């Protein structure tokens, strides 16, 4: 299930809705320095455990973003691994890096 909240919804509103619906969050709102400089939903994921999972999309390089195709491919890889090892990939105590599931192309 995919739920998209209205544009302008605060991080608090997004996080609360995801917890109420028992859904993981997919976000690029993770900060430039990761754990050293957490922002937004990433910060909430670190502060409010357990939760239903937060999947962070990190830029592969300065000024670069993952394409929609790479994002979908990586999500498919993540979900396949989660089916094999439930709870090991989509963590309730931190953030899962979507970039770790990019193919080797």
Protein backbone atom coordinates (compact mmCIF):
# COMPACT_ATOMS: atom_id res chain seq x y z
CA UNK A 1 0.00 0.00 0.00
CA UNK A 2 1.24 3.48 -0.83
CA UNK A 3 -0.12 6.49 1.02
CA UNK A 4 0.91 9.99 0.04
CA UNK A 5 0.04 12.78 2.42
CA UNK A 6 -0.79 16.28 1.17
CA UNK A 7 2.08 18.48 0.03
CA UNK A 8 3.37 20.45 2.97
CA UNK A 9 2.59 17.83 5.61
CA UNK A 10 5.11 18.17 8.42
CA UNK A 11 7.59 15.42 9.27
CA UNK A 12 5.67 14.89 12.52
CA UNK A 13 2.40 14.40 10.60
CA UNK A 14 4.03 11.96 8.15
CA UNK A 15 5.68 9.96 10.93
CA UNK A 16 2.46 9.83 13.02
CA UNK A 17 0.37 8.74 10.01
CA UNK A 18 2.84 5.98 9.14
CA UNK A 19 2.77 4.67 12.69
CA UNK A 20 -1.04 4.81 12.85
CA UNK A 21 -1.28 2.90 9.53
CA UNK A 22 1.61 0.54 10.44
CA UNK A 23 3.50 1.41 7.25
CA UNK A 24 7.19 2.07 6.60
CA UNK A 25 8.23 5.49 5.30
CA UNK A 26 10.22 5.99 2.09
CA UNK A 27 12.05 9.33 2.21
CA UNK A 28 14.95 11.32 0.82
CA UNK A 29 14.65 13.59 3.88
CA UNK A 30 17.72 12.11 5.59
CA UNK A 31 20.30 14.88 5.93
CA UNK A 32 23.64 15.41 4.26
CA UNK A 33 25.78 13.71 6.86
CA UNK A 34 23.47 10.88 7.89
CA UNK A 35 23.72 10.05 11.57
CA UNK A 36 26.14 12.93 12.18
CA UNK A 37 23.59 15.52 11.03
CA UNK A 38 20.15 13.83 11.06
CA UNK A 39 17.15 15.82 9.91
CA UNK A 40 13.45 15.31 9.36
CA UNK A 41 12.08 11.81 9.21
CA UNK A 42 15.53 10.31 9.70
CA UNK A 43 15.86 12.12 13.03
CA UNK A 44 12.41 10.94 14.10
CA UNK A 45 13.32 7.35 13.18
CA UNK A 46 16.42 7.53 15.38
CA UNK A 47 14.55 9.14 18.28
CA UNK A 48 11.30 7.16 18.27
CA UNK A 49 11.95 3.45 18.35
CA UNK A 50 10.34 1.12 17.73
CA UNK A 51 8.54 2.23 14.59
CA UNK A 52 7.32 0.59 11.38
CA UNK A 53 10.47 1.27 9.41
CA UNK A 54 12.03 4.17 7.56
CA UNK A 55 13.74 3.66 4.21
CA UNK A 56 16.14 6.45 3.34
CA UNK A 57 17.13 7.37 -0.20
CA UNK A 58 20.60 8.90 -0.22
CA UNK A 59 22.07 10.86 -3.12
CA UNK A 60 24.66 8.76 -4.97
CA UNK A 61 26.72 11.92 -5.46
CA UNK A 62 26.58 15.68 -5.26
CA UNK A 63 23.66 16.97 -7.31
CA UNK A 64 22.61 13.45 -8.34
CA UNK A 65 19.43 11.56 -7.43
CA UNK A 66 18.30 8.00 -7.99
CA UNK A 67 16.06 7.64 -11.02
CA UNK A 68 12.53 6.31 -10.54
CA UNK A 69 13.59 3.03 -12.19
CA UNK A 70 16.59 2.60 -9.86
CA UNK A 71 14.40 3.43 -6.87
CA UNK A 72 11.78 0.83 -7.83
CA UNK A 73 14.46 -1.78 -8.62
CA UNK A 74 16.13 -1.18 -5.25
CA UNK A 75 12.76 -1.40 -3.43
CA UNK A 76 12.08 -4.73 -5.15
CA UNK A 77 15.50 -6.02 -4.02
CA UNK A 78 14.86 -4.78 -0.48
CA UNK A 79 11.46 -6.47 -0.29
CA UNK A 80 12.83 -9.74 -1.70
CA UNK A 81 15.50 -9.74 1.02
CA UNK A 82 12.92 -8.83 3.68
CA UNK A 83 10.84 -11.86 2.64
CA UNK A 84 13.91 -14.09 3.13
CA UNK A 85 14.94 -12.49 6.45
CA UNK A 86 11.88 -10.80 8.01
CA UNK A 87 12.81 -7.93 10.31
CA UNK A 88 16.49 -7.98 9.35
CA UNK A 89 16.24 -5.49 6.49
CA UNK A 90 13.33 -3.19 7.36
CA UNK A 91 14.47 -2.31 10.85
CA UNK A 92 12.23 -0.93 13.59
CA UNK A 93 15.18 0.62 15.45
CA UNK A 94 16.79 2.78 12.79
CA UNK A 95 16.80 3.44 9.09
CA UNK A 96 17.29 1.18 6.10
CA UNK A 97 19.47 2.63 3.32
CA UNK A 98 17.73 2.01 0.01
CA UNK A 99 21.03 2.61 -1.79
CA UNK A 100 22.35 -0.64 -0.27
CA UNK A 101 19.92 -2.51 -2.53
CA UNK A 102 20.97 -0.99 -5.85
CA UNK A 103 21.96 -3.51 -8.48
CA UNK A 104 25.54 -3.70 -9.68
CA UNK A 105 24.98 -1.99 -13.02
